[in-house]
Protein backbone atom coordinates (compact mmCIF):
# COMPACT_ATOMS: atom_id res chain seq x y z
CA MET A 1 0.00 0.00 0.00
CA ILE A 2 2.84 2.36 0.82
CA ALA A 3 4.36 1.64 -2.59
CA VAL A 4 1.05 2.56 -4.26
CA TRP A 5 0.87 5.85 -2.42
CA ILE A 6 4.49 6.60 -3.27
CA GLY A 7 3.76 5.82 -6.93
CA LEU A 8 0.70 8.07 -6.94
CA GLY A 9 2.69 10.82 -5.27
CA LEU A 10 5.46 10.58 -7.85
CA ALA A 11 2.92 10.58 -10.69
CA ALA A 12 1.21 13.65 -9.25
CA ALA A 13 4.55 15.43 -8.85
CA LEU A 14 5.54 14.55 -12.43
CA LEU A 15 2.21 15.81 -13.77
CA ALA A 16 2.55 19.03 -11.79
CA PHE A 17 6.03 19.48 -13.23
CA GLY A 18 4.63 18.85 -16.72
CA PHE A 19 2.00 21.56 -16.25
CA ALA A 20 4.67 23.94 -14.94
CA LEU A 21 6.88 23.22 -17.94
CA ALA A 22 3.97 23.74 -20.32
CA GLY A 23 3.16 27.04 -18.62
CA TYR A 24 6.78 28.15 -18.87
CA SER A 25 6.95 27.33 -22.58
CA MET A 26 3.64 28.96 -23.51
CA ARG A 27 4.02 32.10 -21.41
CA ILE A 28 4.94 35.29 -23.27
CA ARG A 29 7.63 37.36 -21.57
CA ARG A 30 6.80 40.47 -23.52
CA GLN A 31 8.50 43.84 -23.85
CA THR A 32 6.78 47.18 -23.65
CA LEU A 33 6.78 49.43 -26.70
CA GLU A 34 9.25 51.72 -24.90
CA GLN A 35 11.66 48.87 -24.14
CA ALA A 36 11.52 47.60 -27.70
CA ARG A 37 12.12 51.04 -29.18
CA ALA A 38 15.08 51.62 -26.85
CA TRP A 39 16.67 48.37 -28.04
CA GLN A 40 16.14 49.30 -31.68
CA GLU A 41 17.61 52.78 -31.20
CA ALA A 42 20.68 51.28 -29.50
CA HIS A 43 21.43 49.05 -32.48
CA TYR A 44 20.84 51.18 -35.58
CA ASP A 45 19.73 54.57 -36.87
CA LEU A 46 16.02 55.29 -36.39
CA SER A 47 16.13 58.98 -37.30
CA TRP A 48 13.98 58.34 -40.38
CA TYR A 49 11.01 57.08 -38.34
CA ASP A 50 9.50 60.15 -36.69
CA GLY A 51 9.02 62.08 -39.95
CA LEU A 52 6.87 59.39 -41.59
CA GLU A 53 3.12 59.63 -42.01
CA LYS A 54 1.55 56.94 -39.81
CA GLU A 55 -1.81 55.39 -39.09
CA THR A 56 -2.76 53.09 -36.22
CA TRP A 57 -5.83 50.87 -35.97
CA THR A 58 -7.02 47.57 -34.56
CA VAL A 59 -7.88 44.41 -36.45
CA ILE A 60 -10.38 41.96 -34.99
CA ALA A 61 -9.32 38.33 -35.40
CA ASP A 62 -11.72 35.47 -36.09
CA ASP A 63 -12.21 34.80 -32.38
CA GLY A 64 -12.77 38.46 -31.49
CA TYR A 65 -9.21 39.15 -30.29
CA ALA A 66 -8.01 42.70 -31.07
CA LEU A 67 -4.63 43.22 -32.75
CA HIS A 68 -2.90 46.61 -32.73
CA ALA A 69 -1.39 47.59 -36.07
CA LEU A 70 0.61 50.47 -37.53
CA LEU A 71 0.94 51.65 -41.14
CA LEU A 72 4.05 53.55 -42.18
CA ARG A 73 3.35 55.48 -45.37
CA ASN A 74 6.15 55.62 -47.90
CA PRO A 75 7.28 59.25 -48.45
CA ALA A 76 6.82 58.63 -52.18
CA PRO A 77 3.41 57.40 -53.43
CA ALA A 78 3.55 53.60 -53.50
CA ASP A 79 1.08 50.88 -54.46
CA ARG A 80 3.10 48.13 -52.76
CA CYS A 81 2.94 47.12 -49.11
CA VAL A 82 4.60 44.57 -46.82
CA ILE A 83 3.31 43.25 -43.50
CA ILE A 84 6.12 42.51 -41.02
CA SER A 85 5.62 40.02 -38.18
CA HIS A 86 8.04 40.37 -35.24
CA GLY A 87 9.62 37.73 -33.03
CA TYR A 88 8.75 36.23 -29.64
CA THR A 89 8.67 38.74 -26.70
CA ASP A 90 9.03 41.67 -29.13
CA ASN A 91 6.33 43.93 -30.58
CA ARG A 92 5.77 46.06 -33.66
CA TRP A 93 8.97 47.96 -32.94
CA GLY A 94 10.83 44.78 -33.80
CA ALA A 95 9.78 45.32 -37.41
CA MET A 96 11.63 48.62 -37.67
CA LYS A 97 15.06 47.14 -38.40
CA TYR A 98 13.54 45.87 -41.65
CA ALA A 99 11.17 48.78 -42.34
CA LYS A 100 13.77 51.22 -43.74
CA MET A 101 14.87 48.65 -46.33
CA TRP A 102 11.27 48.14 -47.47
CA LEU A 103 10.60 51.88 -47.61
CA ASP A 104 13.71 52.33 -49.75
CA LEU A 105 12.46 49.56 -52.05
CA GLY A 106 9.23 51.47 -52.63
CA PHE A 107 6.88 49.78 -50.17
CA ASN A 108 4.50 50.97 -47.51
CA VAL A 109 5.05 49.05 -44.27
CA ILE A 110 2.58 47.52 -41.84
CA ALA A 111 3.90 46.48 -38.43
CA TYR A 112 1.64 44.94 -35.80
CA ASP A 113 1.73 43.36 -32.36
CA LEU A 114 1.38 39.59 -32.50
CA ARG A 115 -1.17 38.00 -30.20
CA GLY A 116 -0.13 38.44 -26.56
CA HIS A 117 2.55 41.01 -27.44
CA GLY A 118 2.89 44.78 -27.37
CA GLU A 119 -0.38 46.62 -26.68
CA ASN A 120 -2.51 43.52 -27.19
CA GLU A 121 -4.24 41.74 -24.33
CA PRO A 122 -1.99 39.23 -22.50
CA THR A 123 -2.46 35.61 -23.53
CA PHE A 124 -0.35 32.52 -24.25
CA CYS A 125 1.73 31.70 -27.33
CA THR A 126 0.81 28.88 -29.74
CA TYR A 127 3.96 29.23 -31.87
CA SER A 128 2.23 29.95 -35.20
CA VAL A 129 -1.19 28.26 -34.77
CA ARG A 130 -3.44 31.12 -33.57
CA GLU A 131 -0.86 33.65 -34.74
CA SER A 132 -1.17 32.55 -38.37
CA ARG A 133 -4.96 32.88 -38.23
CA ASP A 134 -4.48 36.41 -36.88
CA LEU A 135 -2.12 37.25 -39.74
CA ASN A 136 -4.63 35.95 -42.25
CA ALA A 137 -7.28 38.22 -40.69
CA LEU A 138 -4.87 41.17 -40.97
CA ILE A 139 -4.24 40.38 -44.65
CA GLN A 140 -7.98 40.30 -45.35
CA ASP A 141 -8.43 43.57 -43.46
CA CYS A 142 -5.65 45.23 -45.46
CA ARG A 143 -7.10 44.11 -48.78
CA LEU A 144 -10.42 45.72 -47.85
CA ARG A 145 -8.98 48.79 -46.14
CA TRP A 146 -6.42 49.68 -48.82
CA PRO A 147 -7.51 48.31 -52.21
CA GLU A 148 -4.97 50.67 -53.80
CA PHE A 149 -2.15 48.41 -52.60
CA ARG A 150 -1.64 46.45 -55.81
CA VAL A 151 1.11 44.29 -54.29
CA LEU A 152 0.93 42.88 -50.76
CA GLY A 153 3.71 40.76 -49.27
CA LEU A 154 4.83 39.37 -45.94
CA GLN A 155 8.03 39.30 -43.93
CA GLY A 156 8.54 37.59 -40.59
CA GLU A 157 11.33 37.12 -38.08
CA SER A 158 11.65 34.04 -35.84
CA LEU A 159 8.15 33.48 -34.39
CA GLY A 160 6.93 35.99 -36.98
CA SER A 161 8.64 33.96 -39.68
CA ALA A 162 6.97 30.75 -38.49
CA THR A 163 3.67 32.66 -38.41
CA THR A 164 4.24 33.89 -41.96
CA VAL A 165 4.92 30.40 -43.29
CA ALA A 166 2.04 28.82 -41.34
CA CYS A 167 -0.32 31.45 -42.74
CA LEU A 168 0.29 30.16 -46.27
CA LYS A 169 -2.00 27.21 -45.62
CA TYR A 170 -4.93 29.64 -45.77
CA ARG A 171 -3.91 30.65 -49.32
CA PRO A 172 -4.01 34.38 -48.47
CA ARG A 173 -4.15 37.03 -51.20
CA ILE A 174 -0.46 37.90 -51.10
CA ASP A 175 2.22 38.17 -53.77
CA PHE A 176 5.34 36.99 -51.90
CA ALA A 177 6.74 36.15 -48.47
CA VAL A 178 10.14 36.50 -46.79
CA ALA A 179 10.79 34.19 -43.83
CA ASP A 180 13.79 35.08 -41.66
CA CYS A 181 15.15 32.53 -39.11
CA GLY A 182 11.87 30.74 -38.47
CA PHE A 183 11.37 27.24 -37.08
CA SER A 184 9.90 24.46 -39.20
CA GLU A 185 8.41 22.87 -36.06
CA ILE A 186 8.66 23.92 -32.44
CA GLY A 187 9.37 20.48 -30.97
CA SER A 188 13.08 20.34 -31.77
CA VAL A 189 13.58 23.91 -30.50
CA MET A 190 11.96 22.98 -27.19
CA ARG A 191 13.93 19.75 -27.05
CA ALA A 192 17.14 21.76 -27.34
CA GLY A 193 15.87 24.04 -24.59
CA LEU A 194 15.36 21.07 -22.29
CA LYS A 195 18.91 19.98 -23.01
CA ASP A 196 20.20 23.44 -22.09
CA MET A 197 18.27 23.16 -18.81
CA HIS A 198 19.85 19.73 -18.21
CA LEU A 199 16.45 18.05 -18.38
CA PRO A 200 15.69 14.80 -20.26
CA ALA A 201 14.13 15.15 -23.73
CA CYS A 202 11.40 12.68 -22.76
CA LEU A 203 9.77 15.48 -20.75
CA LEU A 204 8.78 17.10 -24.05
CA SER A 205 5.94 14.62 -24.55
CA LEU A 206 4.69 15.23 -21.02
CA ALA A 207 4.83 19.01 -21.43
CA SER A 208 3.04 18.74 -24.77
CA LEU A 209 0.26 16.68 -23.21
CA CYS A 210 -0.08 19.20 -20.40
CA ALA A 211 -0.11 22.08 -22.91
CA LYS A 212 -2.97 20.35 -24.71
CA LEU A 213 -4.88 19.87 -21.47
CA ARG A 214 -4.25 23.37 -20.12
CA TYR A 215 -4.29 25.47 -23.30
CA GLY A 216 -5.91 23.28 -25.94
CA TYR A 217 -2.79 23.07 -28.14
CA ALA A 218 -0.11 20.37 -28.27
CA TYR A 219 3.37 21.07 -29.59
CA GLY A 220 2.77 18.67 -32.46
CA ALA A 221 0.30 21.15 -33.99
CA MET A 222 2.97 23.86 -34.10
CA ARG A 223 4.54 22.87 -37.41
CA PRO A 224 4.71 25.67 -40.02
CA ILE A 225 6.38 23.27 -42.47
CA ASP A 226 3.08 21.39 -42.78
CA SER A 227 1.58 24.43 -44.53
CA LEU A 228 4.03 23.85 -47.39
CA LYS A 229 2.74 20.43 -48.38
CA GLY A 230 2.42 20.44 -52.13
CA GLY A 231 4.75 23.43 -52.41
CA SER A 232 4.32 27.16 -51.89
CA ALA A 233 1.70 28.95 -53.99
CA VAL A 234 3.67 32.23 -53.84
CA PRO A 235 7.36 33.14 -54.21
CA LEU A 236 9.01 32.48 -50.86
CA LEU A 237 12.44 33.62 -49.67
CA PHE A 238 14.05 31.99 -46.65
CA ILE A 239 16.87 33.90 -44.94
CA HIS A 240 18.82 32.49 -42.01
CA GLY A 241 21.90 33.42 -40.04
CA GLU A 242 24.62 30.85 -40.64
CA LYS A 243 25.66 31.01 -36.97
CA ASP A 244 22.14 30.76 -35.55
CA SER A 245 22.34 28.27 -32.67
CA PHE A 246 18.87 29.00 -31.24
CA ILE A 247 16.93 28.05 -34.38
CA PRO A 248 19.56 26.39 -36.61
CA PRO A 249 19.54 27.03 -40.39
CA VAL A 250 18.41 23.46 -41.02
CA HIS A 251 14.87 24.65 -40.21
CA SER A 252 14.87 27.02 -43.19
CA GLU A 253 16.63 24.43 -45.33
CA ARG A 254 13.86 21.92 -44.67
CA MET A 255 11.13 24.43 -45.35
CA ALA A 256 12.76 25.64 -48.56
CA ALA A 257 12.94 22.05 -49.78
CA ALA A 258 9.29 21.48 -48.88
CA ALA A 259 8.20 24.73 -50.56
CA GLY A 260 9.48 23.58 -53.94
CA GLU A 261 10.46 25.55 -57.00
CA LYS A 262 9.04 28.90 -55.85
CA ALA A 263 11.35 28.98 -52.81
CA GLU A 264 14.81 30.45 -52.42
CA LEU A 265 17.23 30.10 -49.49
CA ARG A 266 19.98 32.53 -48.49
CA LEU A 267 22.32 32.11 -45.51
CA ILE A 268 24.08 35.14 -44.00
CA PRO A 269 27.65 34.26 -42.92
CA GLY A 270 28.48 35.09 -39.32
CA ALA A 271 24.91 36.04 -38.38
CA LYS A 272 23.34 34.75 -35.19
CA HIS A 273 19.63 34.43 -34.44
CA ALA A 274 17.50 37.31 -35.74
CA ALA A 275 20.63 39.32 -36.55
CA SER A 276 21.12 38.77 -40.28
CA ILE A 277 20.08 42.28 -41.36
CA LEU A 278 22.26 43.84 -38.65
CA THR A 279 25.26 41.63 -39.46
CA ASP A 280 25.30 42.35 -43.21
CA PRO A 281 22.61 44.85 -44.23
CA ALA A 282 23.99 45.24 -47.76
CA ALA A 283 23.88 41.51 -48.49
CA TYR A 284 20.44 41.29 -46.89
CA ARG A 285 19.02 43.97 -49.14
CA THR A 286 20.69 42.43 -52.19
CA HIS A 287 19.08 39.07 -51.46
CA VAL A 288 15.64 40.60 -50.88
CA GLU A 289 15.78 42.93 -53.87
CA GLY A 290 16.94 40.17 -56.19
CA PHE A 291 14.18 37.90 -54.95
CA LEU A 292 11.52 40.58 -55.47
CA ARG A 293 12.71 41.22 -59.02
CA ARG A 294 12.62 37.53 -59.85
CA ALA A 295 9.15 37.38 -58.29
CA GLY A 296 8.05 40.20 -60.60
CA VAL A 297 6.98 42.64 -57.90
CA LEU A 298 9.75 45.22 -58.46
């Protein structure tokens, strides 16, 4: 009888640990807009930003969740626009390190706070599942709100990149997508995180089960690469830092292979996670501009 009670106690403790691990992995440790802007200003020139014409609004997602968005008008009249999705913990300010490049290429820029980030209501992260539905709602809103935007494309970084790729399964009305340092599936990223915490990889299955029970989403559903079955319907550029140890380049390599003939892959030598455009901005622009020309949108 004692052995039974000990076994039940251990099982209860393990389940409690699984729920704690699931909570840790799904929780969003988000920055304020002020913190994010301060980081951006410390790493590159933002003097161009304040003089731009801007518009803010909210987009209502399919489940009623409100997303805060920002339009940066190009100083020159432009009928092209790109929607930039930021990374985990960041907010729309995380899009600004890419915005100047897109403005210079003749695009208007839309930056927004992903679900649970920035000015949006706090919630948990589903690593591209709900986030991709939100992005699809934003695309639909933009098509209705600004019909004069003849060309509409996407760019995402890290979580935003995974969101961008996962959104393709909805066949949105877009003309291209750029995916920077995204994960093909979250499981291997979390498995590496467990290793860094000196925890056994077998706990991933337990945490996934607890995430499903607590939040309604298992890690196995968080697979942007699955949206590329049958190939990409739009031109798709994958960019990845060659020295990215957080989300290794193999994630983009796998997705580029799955996306088929409309996909391109470019690695930035020496760049770590989410730092490709800061490491070599000239090469980054060259890759993006060349891709856009081949895609017929420049």
